[in-house]
Amino acid sequence: MAGHSKWKTIKRAKAATDAKRGAVFTKLIREITVAAKSGGGDPEHNPRLRLAIDTARSNSMPKENIERAIKKGTGDMDGVDYQEVLYEAYGPGGVALMVMALTDNPTRTVADVRHKLSRNGGNMGTSGSVAFLFDRKGQMALDASGLDEDTAMEAALEAGAEDFRREEEQYVVTTEPADLHAVRAALQARGMETSDAQITWVPKTTVRVEGADAQQLMKLLEALEDLDDVQKVEGNFDIDADALAEA
């Protein structure tokens, strides 16, 4: 899993450029809009919306952008009707992929995803073909620098986390999806700042990928996540951090 965490760090670095930041804002606005549509515009009673807003704020999205996205979701402003779609796929080295998208045109999106897969050594799977290799979980990260591991672990487990582990320069806390917000709030109440809080697909086991397969997989992941409709991609890969640094 260390390789996967490193990939997320690389993505954050790439998102720091203006062009990438604009793409990140587009994806966040879609998530806020869909969250507000499905659960209402009050983040206190809509955990998904609260998480989307927190993520938008952590990416320095202006308040007015957030408010407009919420209004579009609740119908107080005209907006695009987005649908949630999930694609299961295979990447180089036999890696299983879960591709999550929000789209106003599923026909276009599936064609775009299929094209990126075929151009980068992957292929589309059928429904259920790889989902069984993942668990739906809540996850967040804690900066390990200056934070005692035993103290952080005790706090996380007492708050209701089901798993805690160190991955390079961060601690990764895993929860049941419904417990994510409570665990995050408990950690923050103890002065532990969290990042990358999300409901995601966590692989049950990982596949080691090396050499040319590793490089091609990185190209595929970036190509998929560069698609406007794709919100994020999760995979069951493990790649050496040095190889990722060359990606």
C-alpha atoms as a PDB file:
ATOM      1  CA  MET A   1       0.000   0.000   0.000  1.00  0.00           C
ATOM      2  CA  ALA A   2       2.975   2.359   0.374  1.00  0.00           C
ATOM      3  CA  GLY A   3       3.084   2.832  -3.376  1.00  0.00           C
ATOM      4  CA  HIS A   4      -0.570   3.775  -3.511  1.00  0.00           C
ATOM      5  CA  SER A   5      -0.185   6.380  -0.782  1.00  0.00           C
ATOM      6  CA  LYS A   6       2.820   7.843  -2.573  1.00  0.00           C
ATOM      7  CA  TRP A   7       0.745   8.158  -5.747  1.00  0.00           C
ATOM      8  CA  LYS A   8      -1.814  10.228  -3.839  1.00  0.00           C
ATOM      9  CA  THR A   9       0.983  12.507  -2.639  1.00  0.00           C
ATOM     10  CA  ILE A  10       2.190  12.958  -6.220  1.00  0.00           C
ATOM     11  CA  LYS A  11      -1.357  13.815  -7.332  1.00  0.00           C
ATOM     12  CA  ARG A  12      -1.597  16.538  -4.684  1.00  0.00           C
ATOM     13  CA  ALA A  13       1.681  18.037  -5.886  1.00  0.00           C
ATOM     14  CA  LYS A  14       0.516  18.058  -9.487  1.00  0.00           C
ATOM     15  CA  ALA A  15      -2.777  19.680  -8.467  1.00  0.00           C
ATOM     16  CA  ALA A  16      -0.839  22.686  -7.152  1.00  0.00           C
ATOM     17  CA  THR A  17      -0.447  24.140 -10.651  1.00  0.00           C
ATOM     18  CA  ASP A  18      -3.153  26.550 -11.849  1.00  0.00           C
ATOM     19  CA  ALA A  19      -4.325  24.276 -14.650  1.00  0.00           C
ATOM     20  CA  LYS A  20      -4.592  21.270 -12.368  1.00  0.00           C
ATOM     21  CA  ARG A  21      -6.250  23.344  -9.633  1.00  0.00           C
ATOM     22  CA  GLY A  22      -8.986  24.344 -12.093  1.00  0.00           C
ATOM     23  CA  ALA A  23      -9.597  20.676 -12.850  1.00  0.00           C
ATOM     24  CA  VAL A  24      -9.719  19.861  -9.136  1.00  0.00           C
ATOM     25  CA  PHE A  25     -12.280  22.643  -8.585  1.00  0.00           C
ATOM     26  CA  THR A  26     -14.438  21.229 -11.386  1.00  0.00           C
ATOM     27  CA  LYS A  27     -14.492  17.797  -9.755  1.00  0.00           C
ATOM     28  CA  LEU A  28     -15.170  19.213  -6.294  1.00  0.00           C
ATOM     29  CA  ILE A  29     -18.039  21.352  -7.555  1.00  0.00           C
ATOM     30  CA  ARG A  30     -19.633  18.290  -9.122  1.00  0.00           C
ATOM     31  CA  GLU A  31     -19.304  16.348  -5.868  1.00  0.00           C
ATOM     32  CA  ILE A  32     -20.841  19.183  -3.834  1.00  0.00           C
ATOM     33  CA  THR A  33     -23.714  19.499  -6.309  1.00  0.00           C
ATOM     34  CA  VAL A  34     -24.489  15.770  -6.308  1.00  0.00           C
ATOM     35  CA  ALA A  35     -24.161  15.549  -2.526  1.00  0.00           C
ATOM     36  CA  ALA A  36     -26.594  18.440  -2.056  1.00  0.00           C
ATOM     37  CA  LYS A  37     -29.006  16.912  -4.552  1.00  0.00           C
ATOM     38  CA  SER A  38     -28.994  13.493  -2.897  1.00  0.00           C
ATOM     39  CA  GLY A  39     -29.025  14.555   0.759  1.00  0.00           C
ATOM     40  CA  GLY A  40     -30.089  18.187   0.977  1.00  0.00           C
ATOM     41  CA  GLY A  41     -28.193  21.444   1.290  1.00  0.00           C
ATOM     42  CA  ASP A  42     -27.553  21.434   5.049  1.00  0.00           C
ATOM     43  CA  PRO A  43     -24.080  19.972   5.746  1.00  0.00           C
ATOM     44  CA  GLU A  44     -24.997  19.391   9.407  1.00  0.00           C
ATOM     45  CA  HIS A  45     -27.524  16.793   8.282  1.00  0.00           C
ATOM     46  CA  ASN A  46     -25.737  15.609   5.143  1.00  0.00           C
ATOM     47  CA  PRO A  47     -22.377  13.924   5.929  1.00  0.00           C
ATOM     48  CA  ARG A  48     -21.452  13.546   2.274  1.00  0.00           C
ATOM     49  CA  LEU A  49     -21.974  17.252   1.671  1.00  0.00           C
ATOM     50  CA  ARG A  50     -20.035  18.173   4.803  1.00  0.00           C
ATOM     51  CA  LEU A  51     -17.102  16.087   3.621  1.00  0.00           C
ATOM     52  CA  ALA A  52     -17.253  17.612   0.127  1.00  0.00           C
ATOM     53  CA  ILE A  53     -17.280  21.132   1.577  1.00  0.00           C
ATOM     54  CA  ASP A  54     -14.356  20.351   3.889  1.00  0.00           C
ATOM     55  CA  THR A  55     -12.390  18.978   0.950  1.00  0.00           C
ATOM     56  CA  ALA A  56     -13.196  22.050  -1.154  1.00  0.00           C
ATOM     57  CA  ARG A  57     -12.069  24.377   1.628  1.00  0.00           C
ATOM     58  CA  SER A  58      -8.828  22.443   2.084  1.00  0.00           C
ATOM     59  CA  ASN A  59      -8.187  23.062  -1.612  1.00  0.00           C
ATOM     60  CA  SER A  60      -8.796  26.811  -1.164  1.00  0.00           C
ATOM     61  CA  MET A  61     -12.045  26.899  -3.118  1.00  0.00           C
ATOM     62  CA  PRO A  62     -13.790  30.281  -2.718  1.00  0.00           C
ATOM     63  CA  LYS A  63     -16.870  30.321  -0.489  1.00  0.00           C
ATOM     64  CA  GLU A  64     -19.088  31.653  -3.282  1.00  0.00           C
ATOM     65  CA  ASN A  65     -18.183  28.685  -5.516  1.00  0.00           C
ATOM     66  CA  ILE A  66     -19.203  26.284  -2.766  1.00  0.00           C
ATOM     67  CA  GLU A  67     -22.487  28.106  -2.170  1.00  0.00           C
ATOM     68  CA  ARG A  68     -23.360  28.134  -5.875  1.00  0.00           C
ATOM     69  CA  ALA A  69     -22.660  24.406  -6.161  1.00  0.00           C
ATOM     70  CA  ILE A  70     -24.960  23.695  -3.206  1.00  0.00           C
ATOM     71  CA  LYS A  71     -27.740  25.829  -4.706  1.00  0.00           C
ATOM     72  CA  LYS A  72     -27.433  24.000  -8.015  1.00  0.00           C
ATOM     73  CA  GLY A  73     -27.783  20.703  -6.192  1.00  0.00           C
ATOM     74  CA  THR A  74     -30.846  21.766  -4.220  1.00  0.00           C
ATOM     75  CA  GLY A  75     -32.488  23.291  -7.302  1.00  0.00           C
ATOM     76  CA  ASP A  76     -32.238  26.905  -6.104  1.00  0.00           C
ATOM     77  CA  MET A  77     -30.117  27.620  -9.170  1.00  0.00           C
ATOM     78  CA  ASP A  78     -30.121  26.056 -12.617  1.00  0.00           C
ATOM     79  CA  GLY A  79     -27.465  23.400 -12.999  1.00  0.00           C
ATOM     80  CA  VAL A  80     -26.380  20.254 -14.821  1.00  0.00           C
ATOM     81  CA  ASP A  81     -27.980  16.942 -13.833  1.00  0.00           C
ATOM     82  CA  TYR A  82     -25.023  14.690 -12.967  1.00  0.00           C
ATOM     83  CA  GLN A  83     -25.236  10.923 -12.539  1.00  0.00           C
ATOM     84  CA  GLU A  84     -22.927   8.746 -10.477  1.00  0.00           C
ATOM     85  CA  VAL A  85     -21.292   5.914 -12.418  1.00  0.00           C
ATOM     86  CA  LEU A  86     -18.746   3.319 -11.358  1.00  0.00           C
ATOM     87  CA  TYR A  87     -16.561   1.372 -13.769  1.00  0.00           C
ATOM     88  CA  GLU A  88     -14.553  -1.732 -12.940  1.00  0.00           C
ATOM     89  CA  ALA A  89     -11.413  -2.266 -14.952  1.00  0.00           C
ATOM     90  CA  TYR A  90      -8.008  -3.920 -15.204  1.00  0.00           C
ATOM     91  CA  GLY A  91      -4.674  -2.153 -15.604  1.00  0.00           C
ATOM     92  CA  PRO A  92      -1.124  -3.235 -16.487  1.00  0.00           C
ATOM     93  CA  GLY A  93       0.268  -6.022 -14.326  1.00  0.00           C
ATOM     94  CA  GLY A  94      -3.173  -7.410 -13.551  1.00  0.00           C
ATOM     95  CA  VAL A  95      -4.095  -4.472 -11.306  1.00  0.00           C
ATOM     96  CA  ALA A  96      -7.785  -4.086 -10.454  1.00  0.00           C
ATOM     97  CA  LEU A  97      -9.223  -0.567 -10.793  1.00  0.00           C
ATOM     98  CA  MET A  98     -12.366   1.151  -9.549  1.00  0.00           C
ATOM     99  CA  VAL A  99     -13.132   4.262 -11.608  1.00  0.00           C
ATOM    100  CA  MET A 100     -15.647   6.652 -10.033  1.00  0.00           C
ATOM    101  CA  ALA A 101     -17.266   9.334 -12.186  1.00  0.00           C
ATOM    102  CA  LEU A 102     -19.955  12.018 -12.127  1.00  0.00           C
ATOM    103  CA  THR A 103     -21.328  12.747 -15.571  1.00  0.00           C
ATOM    104  CA  ASP A 104     -24.171  14.332 -17.481  1.00  0.00           C
ATOM    105  CA  ASN A 105     -23.558  11.919 -20.369  1.00  0.00           C
ATOM    106  CA  PRO A 106     -22.723   8.313 -19.370  1.00  0.00           C
ATOM    107  CA  THR A 107     -22.374   7.269 -23.016  1.00  0.00           C
ATOM    108  CA  ARG A 108     -19.596   9.807 -23.528  1.00  0.00           C
ATOM    109  CA  THR A 109     -17.915   8.957 -20.243  1.00  0.00           C
ATOM    110  CA  VAL A 110     -17.772   5.206 -20.738  1.00  0.00           C
ATOM    111  CA  ALA A 111     -16.320   5.748 -24.217  1.00  0.00           C
ATOM    112  CA  ASP A 112     -13.666   8.107 -22.820  1.00  0.00           C
ATOM    113  CA  VAL A 113     -12.738   5.701 -20.009  1.00  0.00           C
ATOM    114  CA  ARG A 114     -12.579   2.741 -22.385  1.00  0.00           C
ATOM    115  CA  HIS A 115     -10.341   4.733 -24.754  1.00  0.00           C
ATOM    116  CA  LYS A 116      -7.881   5.683 -21.989  1.00  0.00           C
ATOM    117  CA  LEU A 117      -7.740   2.087 -20.806  1.00  0.00           C
ATOM    118  CA  SER A 118      -7.084   0.651 -24.259  1.00  0.00           C
ATOM    119  CA  ARG A 119      -4.370   3.248 -24.979  1.00  0.00           C
ATOM    120  CA  ASN A 120      -2.535   2.501 -21.729  1.00  0.00           C
ATOM    121  CA  GLY A 121      -2.515  -1.271 -21.344  1.00  0.00           C
ATOM    122  CA  GLY A 122      -5.840  -1.690 -19.554  1.00  0.00           C
ATOM    123  CA  ASN A 123      -9.316  -2.928 -20.352  1.00  0.00           C
ATOM    124  CA  MET A 124     -12.844  -2.508 -19.071  1.00  0.00           C
ATOM    125  CA  GLY A 125     -14.279  -5.191 -16.807  1.00  0.00           C
ATOM    126  CA  THR A 126     -17.875  -6.225 -16.281  1.00  0.00           C
ATOM    127  CA  SER A 127     -19.931  -5.210 -13.261  1.00  0.00           C
ATOM    128  CA  GLY A 128     -18.737  -7.197 -10.253  1.00  0.00           C
ATOM    129  CA  SER A 129     -15.540  -8.360 -11.917  1.00  0.00           C
ATOM    130  CA  VAL A 130     -13.195  -6.553  -9.491  1.00  0.00           C
ATOM    131  CA  ALA A 131     -15.410  -4.921  -6.843  1.00  0.00           C
ATOM    132  CA  PHE A 132     -15.128  -7.996  -4.629  1.00  0.00           C
ATOM    133  CA  LEU A 133     -11.399  -7.227  -4.256  1.00  0.00           C
ATOM    134  CA  PHE A 134     -12.196  -3.990  -2.383  1.00  0.00           C
ATOM    135  CA  ASP A 135     -14.015  -2.857   0.756  1.00  0.00           C
ATOM    136  CA  ARG A 136     -15.952   0.393   0.984  1.00  0.00           C
ATOM    137  CA  LYS A 137     -14.312   2.332   3.826  1.00  0.00           C
ATOM    138  CA  GLY A 138     -13.680   5.754   5.262  1.00  0.00           C
ATOM    139  CA  GLN A 139     -10.058   6.868   5.322  1.00  0.00           C
ATOM    140  CA  MET A 140      -8.063   9.883   6.435  1.00  0.00           C
ATOM    141  CA  ALA A 141      -4.420  10.767   6.971  1.00  0.00           C
ATOM    142  CA  LEU A 142      -2.478  12.317   9.843  1.00  0.00           C
ATOM    143  CA  ASP A 143       0.918  13.976   9.435  1.00  0.00           C
ATOM    144  CA  ALA A 144       3.337  11.702  11.308  1.00  0.00           C
ATOM    145  CA  SER A 145       5.923  14.413  11.951  1.00  0.00           C
ATOM    146  CA  GLY A 146       5.820  15.504  15.575  1.00  0.00           C
ATOM    147  CA  LEU A 147       2.957  13.151  16.408  1.00  0.00           C
ATOM    148  CA  ASP A 148       3.681  10.141  18.582  1.00  0.00           C
ATOM    149  CA  GLU A 149       2.483   6.966  16.902  1.00  0.00           C
ATOM    150  CA  ASP A 150       1.166   5.272  20.051  1.00  0.00           C
ATOM    151  CA  THR A 151      -0.727   8.402  21.082  1.00  0.00           C
ATOM    152  CA  ALA A 152      -2.271   8.807  17.647  1.00  0.00           C
ATOM    153  CA  MET A 153      -3.189   5.129  17.427  1.00  0.00           C
ATOM    154  CA  GLU A 154      -4.829   5.140  20.845  1.00  0.00           C
ATOM    155  CA  ALA A 155      -6.845   8.237  19.981  1.00  0.00           C
ATOM    156  CA  ALA A 156      -7.990   6.803  16.652  1.00  0.00           C
ATOM    157  CA  LEU A 157      -9.022   3.436  18.048  1.00  0.00           C
ATOM    158  CA  GLU A 158     -10.801   5.021  21.013  1.00  0.00           C
ATOM    159  CA  ALA A 159     -12.724   7.214  18.555  1.00  0.00           C
ATOM    160  CA  GLY A 160     -13.960   4.144  16.665  1.00  0.00           C
ATOM    161  CA  ALA A 161     -11.373   3.577  13.927  1.00  0.00           C
ATOM    162  CA  GLU A 162     -10.967  -0.025  12.810  1.00  0.00           C
ATOM    163  CA  ASP A 163      -7.414   0.212  11.482  1.00  0.00           C
ATOM    164  CA  PHE A 164      -4.382   2.443  12.007  1.00  0.00           C
ATOM    165  CA  ARG A 165      -1.028   2.154  10.282  1.00  0.00           C
ATOM    166  CA  ARG A 166       1.977   4.216   9.296  1.00  0.00           C
ATOM    167  CA  GLU A 167       2.733   4.733   5.619  1.00  0.00           C
ATOM    168  CA  GLU A 168       5.954   6.678   5.122  1.00  0.00           C
ATOM    169  CA  GLU A 169       5.442  10.202   6.544  1.00  0.00           C
ATOM    170  CA  GLN A 170       1.803   9.803   7.503  1.00  0.00           C
ATOM    171  CA  TYR A 171      -0.569   7.713   9.553  1.00  0.00           C
ATOM    172  CA  VAL A 172      -3.554   6.254   7.713  1.00  0.00           C
ATOM    173  CA  VAL A 173      -6.759   5.827   9.722  1.00  0.00           C
ATOM    174  CA  THR A 174      -9.479   3.526   8.359  1.00  0.00           C
ATOM    175  CA  THR A 175     -13.097   3.503   9.521  1.00  0.00           C
ATOM    176  CA  GLU A 176     -16.478   2.182   8.557  1.00  0.00           C
ATOM    177  CA  PRO A 177     -18.015   4.728   6.161  1.00  0.00           C
ATOM    178  CA  ALA A 178     -20.636   5.832   8.693  1.00  0.00           C
ATOM    179  CA  ASP A 179     -17.956   6.456  11.356  1.00  0.00           C
ATOM    180  CA  LEU A 180     -15.641   8.661   9.286  1.00  0.00           C
ATOM    181  CA  HIS A 181     -16.948  12.008  10.502  1.00  0.00           C
ATOM    182  CA  ALA A 182     -17.126  11.023  14.169  1.00  0.00           C
ATOM    183  CA  VAL A 183     -13.565   9.675  14.174  1.00  0.00           C
ATOM    184  CA  ARG A 184     -12.277  12.717  12.314  1.00  0.00           C
ATOM    185  CA  ALA A 185     -14.007  15.093  14.735  1.00  0.00           C
ATOM    186  CA  ALA A 186     -12.612  13.205  17.743  1.00  0.00           C
ATOM    187  CA  LEU A 187      -9.063  13.409  16.397  1.00  0.00           C
ATOM    188  CA  GLN A 188      -9.395  17.080  15.570  1.00  0.00           C
ATOM    189  CA  ALA A 189     -10.758  17.735  19.066  1.00  0.00           C
ATOM    190  CA  ARG A 190      -7.450  16.391  20.372  1.00  0.00           C
ATOM    191  CA  GLY A 191      -5.487  18.740  18.140  1.00  0.00           C
ATOM    192  CA  MET A 192      -4.669  16.208  15.420  1.00  0.00           C
ATOM    193  CA  GLU A 193      -5.216  17.716  11.991  1.00  0.00           C
ATOM    194  CA  THR A 194      -6.505  15.295   9.367  1.00  0.00           C
ATOM    195  CA  SER A 195      -6.229  15.410   5.587  1.00  0.00           C
ATOM    196  CA  ASP A 196      -7.558  13.470   2.588  1.00  0.00           C
ATOM    197  CA  ALA A 197     -10.681  12.360   4.469  1.00  0.00           C
ATOM    198  CA  GLN A 198     -12.857  10.386   2.043  1.00  0.00           C
ATOM    199  CA  ILE A 199     -15.162   7.450   1.526  1.00  0.00           C
ATOM    200  CA  THR A 200     -13.294   5.206  -0.864  1.00  0.00           C
ATOM    201  CA  TRP A 201     -12.561   1.729  -2.105  1.00  0.00           C
ATOM    202  CA  VAL A 202      -9.795   0.078  -0.088  1.00  0.00           C
ATOM    203  CA  PRO A 203      -8.131  -3.021  -1.597  1.00  0.00           C
ATOM    204  CA  LYS A 204      -8.275  -6.189   0.487  1.00  0.00           C
ATOM    205  CA  THR A 205      -4.898  -7.288  -0.890  1.00  0.00           C
ATOM    206  CA  THR A 206      -2.390  -5.661  -3.222  1.00  0.00           C
ATOM    207  CA  VAL A 207      -0.605  -6.648  -6.419  1.00  0.00           C
ATOM    208  CA  ARG A 208       3.091  -5.831  -6.754  1.00  0.00           C
ATOM    209  CA  VAL A 209       3.820  -4.004 -10.015  1.00  0.00           C
ATOM    210  CA  GLU A 210       7.329  -3.268 -11.251  1.00  0.00           C
ATOM    211  CA  GLY A 211       9.297  -2.114 -14.284  1.00  0.00           C
ATOM    212  CA  ALA A 212       7.479  -1.275 -17.500  1.00  0.00           C
ATOM    213  CA  ASP A 213       4.126  -2.310 -16.035  1.00  0.00           C
ATOM    214  CA  ALA A 214       4.593   0.162 -13.193  1.00  0.00           C
ATOM    215  CA  GLN A 215       5.397   3.026 -15.538  1.00  0.00           C
ATOM    216  CA  GLN A 216       2.473   2.231 -17.821  1.00  0.00           C
ATOM    217  CA  LEU A 217       0.111   1.955 -14.854  1.00  0.00           C
ATOM    218  CA  MET A 218       1.101   5.437 -13.687  1.00  0.00           C
ATOM    219  CA  LYS A 219       0.382   6.809 -17.156  1.00  0.00           C
ATOM    220  CA  LEU A 220      -3.003   5.094 -17.151  1.00  0.00           C
ATOM    221  CA  LEU A 221      -3.965   6.453 -13.737  1.00  0.00           C
ATOM    222  CA  GLU A 222      -3.063   9.982 -14.721  1.00  0.00           C
ATOM    223  CA  ALA A 223      -4.869   9.674 -18.057  1.00  0.00           C
ATOM    224  CA  LEU A 224      -8.044   8.484 -16.343  1.00  0.00           C
ATOM    225  CA  GLU A 225      -7.970  11.150 -13.654  1.00  0.00           C
ATOM    226  CA  ASP A 226      -7.371  13.857 -16.266  1.00  0.00           C
ATOM    227  CA  LEU A 227     -10.849  13.128 -17.641  1.00  0.00           C
ATOM    228  CA  ASP A 228     -13.293  15.800 -16.458  1.00  0.00           C
ATOM    229  CA  ASP A 229     -15.964  13.229 -15.642  1.00  0.00           C
ATOM    230  CA  VAL A 230     -13.726  10.988 -13.525  1.00  0.00           C
ATOM    231  CA  GLN A 231     -13.691  11.932  -9.858  1.00  0.00           C
ATOM    232  CA  LYS A 232     -11.062   9.450  -8.702  1.00  0.00           C
ATOM    233  CA  VAL A 233      -9.526   6.063  -9.379  1.00  0.00           C
ATOM    234  CA  GLU A 234      -8.602   3.447  -6.784  1.00  0.00           C
ATOM    235  CA  GLY A 235      -6.472   0.370  -7.442  1.00  0.00           C
ATOM    236  CA  ASN A 236      -5.019  -2.622  -5.617  1.00  0.00           C
ATOM    237  CA  PHE A 237      -1.437  -1.931  -6.679  1.00  0.00           C
ATOM    238  CA  ASP A 238       1.781  -1.728  -4.702  1.00  0.00           C
ATOM    239  CA  ILE A 239       4.656   0.042  -6.395  1.00  0.00           C
ATOM    240  CA  ASP A 240       8.068   0.950  -5.044  1.00  0.00           C
ATOM    241  CA  ALA A 241       8.223   4.613  -4.085  1.00  0.00           C
ATOM    242  CA  ASP A 242      11.378   5.151  -6.181  1.00  0.00           C
ATOM    243  CA  ALA A 243       9.577   3.931  -9.266  1.00  0.00           C
ATOM    244  CA  LEU A 244       6.719   6.321  -8.551  1.00  0.00           C
ATOM    245  CA  ALA A 245       9.122   9.227  -8.248  1.00  0.00           C
ATOM    246  CA  GLU A 246      10.145   8.582 -11.857  1.00  0.00           C
ATOM    247  CA  ALA A 247       6.551   8.529 -13.082  1.00  0.00           C
END
